[in-house]
Amino acid sequence: KFFSRTEIEGRKIEETDITVADLQFGGTYAYTDDMALSIAIGFGLTPNSPDVQLSIKTPIRFSF
């Protein structure tokens, strides 16, 4: 993600342009056709990104 420098009333605010990058690894296990578990771990690559991130998601699809 790239965030450009912030401007307020035409004045550029210093140190507001940052780059956030991370490297993520993950996988998904499908329990059924309608339910799964997704797990990912991310490692920050730039000083402005978090050092480590853990993501756990359970997408559920409802069929009508």
N, C-alpha and C. Protein backbone atom coordinates (compact mmCIF):
# COMPACT_ATOMS: atom_id res chain seq x y z
N LYS A 1 0.85 -1.17 0.00
CA LYS A 1 0.00 0.00 0.00
C LYS A 1 0.89 1.23 0.00
N PHE A 2 0.48 2.21 -0.75
CA PHE A 2 1.22 3.46 -0.81
C PHE A 2 0.28 4.58 -0.35
N PHE A 3 0.75 5.39 0.55
CA PHE A 3 -0.02 6.53 1.02
C PHE A 3 0.74 7.79 0.64
N SER A 4 0.09 8.64 -0.15
CA SER A 4 0.77 9.86 -0.61
C SER A 4 0.72 10.92 0.49
N ARG A 5 1.54 11.93 0.30
CA ARG A 5 1.66 13.01 1.29
C ARG A 5 0.33 13.73 1.46
N THR A 6 -0.04 13.96 2.69
CA THR A 6 -1.29 14.64 3.02
C THR A 6 -1.14 16.14 2.82
N GLU A 7 -2.18 16.74 2.27
CA GLU A 7 -2.20 18.20 2.10
C GLU A 7 -3.42 18.76 2.82
N ILE A 8 -3.22 19.82 3.57
CA ILE A 8 -4.31 20.54 4.24
C ILE A 8 -4.21 22.00 3.82
N GLU A 9 -5.24 22.47 3.16
CA GLU A 9 -5.30 23.85 2.66
C GLU A 9 -4.07 24.19 1.83
N GLY A 10 -3.65 23.23 0.99
CA GLY A 10 -2.53 23.47 0.09
C GLY A 10 -1.16 23.26 0.71
N ARG A 11 -1.07 23.06 2.02
CA ARG A 11 0.22 22.82 2.68
C ARG A 11 0.46 21.33 2.82
N LYS A 12 1.65 20.89 2.39
CA LYS A 12 2.00 19.48 2.52
C LYS A 12 2.49 19.19 3.94
N ILE A 13 1.93 18.15 4.54
CA ILE A 13 2.31 17.75 5.89
C ILE A 13 3.48 16.78 5.79
N GLU A 14 4.56 17.08 6.48
CA GLU A 14 5.77 16.26 6.43
C GLU A 14 5.53 14.88 7.01
N GLU A 15 6.27 13.90 6.49
CA GLU A 15 6.28 12.51 6.96
C GLU A 15 4.91 11.85 6.93
N THR A 16 4.08 12.20 5.96
CA THR A 16 2.79 11.53 5.82
C THR A 16 2.74 10.64 4.59
N ASP A 17 3.82 10.59 3.82
CA ASP A 17 3.87 9.66 2.69
C ASP A 17 4.63 8.41 3.14
N ILE A 18 3.93 7.29 3.19
CA ILE A 18 4.52 6.06 3.69
C ILE A 18 4.22 4.91 2.73
N THR A 19 5.01 3.86 2.85
CA THR A 19 4.80 2.63 2.11
C THR A 19 4.69 1.49 3.11
N VAL A 20 3.62 0.73 2.99
CA VAL A 20 3.39 -0.41 3.87
C VAL A 20 3.42 -1.66 3.01
N ALA A 21 4.27 -2.61 3.37
CA ALA A 21 4.37 -3.86 2.61
C ALA A 21 4.55 -5.02 3.57
N ASP A 22 3.90 -6.12 3.25
CA ASP A 22 4.09 -7.33 4.05
C ASP A 22 4.05 -8.55 3.15
N LEU A 23 4.62 -9.63 3.64
CA LEU A 23 4.66 -10.90 2.92
C LEU A 23 3.76 -11.86 3.68
N GLN A 24 2.75 -12.40 3.01
CA GLN A 24 1.78 -13.25 3.69
C GLN A 24 1.81 -14.67 3.14
N PHE A 25 1.67 -15.62 4.07
CA PHE A 25 1.55 -17.03 3.75
C PHE A 25 0.27 -17.52 4.40
N GLY A 26 -0.45 -18.39 3.72
CA GLY A 26 -1.68 -18.88 4.32
C GLY A 26 -2.25 -20.04 3.56
N GLY A 27 -3.35 -20.53 4.11
CA GLY A 27 -4.03 -21.64 3.48
C GLY A 27 -5.47 -21.70 3.95
N THR A 28 -6.24 -22.50 3.24
CA THR A 28 -7.66 -22.66 3.55
C THR A 28 -7.99 -24.14 3.60
N TYR A 29 -8.76 -24.51 4.62
CA TYR A 29 -9.26 -25.88 4.75
C TYR A 29 -10.77 -25.82 4.63
N ALA A 30 -11.32 -26.56 3.67
CA ALA A 30 -12.77 -26.57 3.47
C ALA A 30 -13.37 -27.75 4.25
N TYR A 31 -14.23 -27.42 5.23
CA TYR A 31 -14.94 -28.46 5.99
C TYR A 31 -16.04 -29.08 5.13
N THR A 32 -16.82 -28.22 4.53
CA THR A 32 -17.91 -28.64 3.65
C THR A 32 -17.91 -27.70 2.45
N ASP A 33 -18.90 -27.85 1.58
CA ASP A 33 -19.01 -26.93 0.43
C ASP A 33 -19.37 -25.52 0.88
N ASP A 34 -19.96 -25.37 2.07
CA ASP A 34 -20.43 -24.07 2.54
C ASP A 34 -19.59 -23.46 3.66
N MET A 35 -18.61 -24.18 4.20
CA MET A 35 -17.86 -23.67 5.35
C MET A 35 -16.38 -24.03 5.23
N ALA A 36 -15.53 -23.05 5.57
CA ALA A 36 -14.08 -23.24 5.47
C ALA A 36 -13.38 -22.48 6.59
N LEU A 37 -12.10 -22.78 6.79
CA LEU A 37 -11.26 -22.07 7.75
C LEU A 37 -10.02 -21.58 7.01
N SER A 38 -9.78 -20.27 7.05
CA SER A 38 -8.62 -19.67 6.39
C SER A 38 -7.69 -19.10 7.45
N ILE A 39 -6.41 -19.45 7.35
CA ILE A 39 -5.40 -18.96 8.29
C ILE A 39 -4.26 -18.36 7.47
N ALA A 40 -3.78 -17.19 7.88
CA ALA A 40 -2.66 -16.53 7.19
C ALA A 40 -1.77 -15.86 8.22
N ILE A 41 -0.48 -15.84 7.95
CA ILE A 41 0.47 -15.11 8.77
C ILE A 41 1.25 -14.17 7.85
N GLY A 42 1.43 -12.94 8.30
CA GLY A 42 2.13 -11.95 7.50
C GLY A 42 3.31 -11.36 8.25
N PHE A 43 4.36 -11.06 7.53
CA PHE A 43 5.57 -10.48 8.10
C PHE A 43 5.81 -9.13 7.45
N GLY A 44 6.01 -8.09 8.26
CA GLY A 44 6.23 -6.75 7.76
C GLY A 44 7.56 -6.61 7.04
N LEU A 45 7.54 -5.93 5.90
CA LEU A 45 8.75 -5.73 5.11
C LEU A 45 9.25 -4.29 5.15
N THR A 46 8.45 -3.39 5.67
CA THR A 46 8.85 -1.98 5.76
C THR A 46 8.70 -1.52 7.20
N PRO A 47 9.38 -0.45 7.59
CA PRO A 47 9.28 0.05 8.96
C PRO A 47 7.86 0.50 9.34
N ASN A 48 7.04 0.86 8.35
CA ASN A 48 5.69 1.35 8.64
C ASN A 48 4.65 0.24 8.73
N SER A 49 5.02 -1.00 8.52
CA SER A 49 4.07 -2.11 8.59
C SER A 49 4.26 -2.87 9.90
N PRO A 50 3.21 -3.56 10.36
CA PRO A 50 3.35 -4.36 11.59
C PRO A 50 4.40 -5.45 11.41
N ASP A 51 5.09 -5.82 12.48
CA ASP A 51 6.12 -6.85 12.39
C ASP A 51 5.52 -8.20 11.99
N VAL A 52 4.44 -8.60 12.69
CA VAL A 52 3.80 -9.88 12.42
C VAL A 52 2.29 -9.69 12.52
N GLN A 53 1.56 -10.34 11.61
CA GLN A 53 0.10 -10.32 11.63
C GLN A 53 -0.41 -11.75 11.52
N LEU A 54 -1.45 -12.07 12.27
CA LEU A 54 -2.09 -13.37 12.18
C LEU A 54 -3.55 -13.16 11.85
N SER A 55 -4.02 -13.85 10.83
CA SER A 55 -5.41 -13.70 10.39
C SER A 55 -6.08 -15.07 10.39
N ILE A 56 -7.23 -15.16 11.07
CA ILE A 56 -8.03 -16.38 11.08
C ILE A 56 -9.44 -15.99 10.66
N LYS A 57 -9.93 -16.63 9.61
CA LYS A 57 -11.25 -16.30 9.08
C LYS A 57 -12.05 -17.58 8.87
N THR A 58 -13.35 -17.46 9.05
CA THR A 58 -14.26 -18.57 8.79
C THR A 58 -15.35 -18.10 7.85
N PRO A 59 -15.09 -18.17 6.56
CA PRO A 59 -16.14 -17.79 5.61
C PRO A 59 -17.23 -18.86 5.58
N ILE A 60 -18.47 -18.43 5.69
CA ILE A 60 -19.60 -19.33 5.64
C ILE A 60 -20.53 -18.88 4.52
N ARG A 61 -20.88 -19.79 3.65
CA ARG A 61 -21.79 -19.46 2.56
C ARG A 61 -23.18 -20.03 2.88
N PHE A 62 -24.17 -19.21 2.75
CA PHE A 62 -25.54 -19.62 2.98
C PHE A 62 -26.22 -19.89 1.64
N SER A 63 -26.75 -21.06 1.50
CA SER A 63 -27.45 -21.42 0.28
C SER A 63 -28.95 -21.39 0.55
N PHE A 64 -29.69 -20.75 -0.34
CA PHE A 64 -31.14 -20.68 -0.18
C PHE A 64 -31.82 -21.52 -1.22
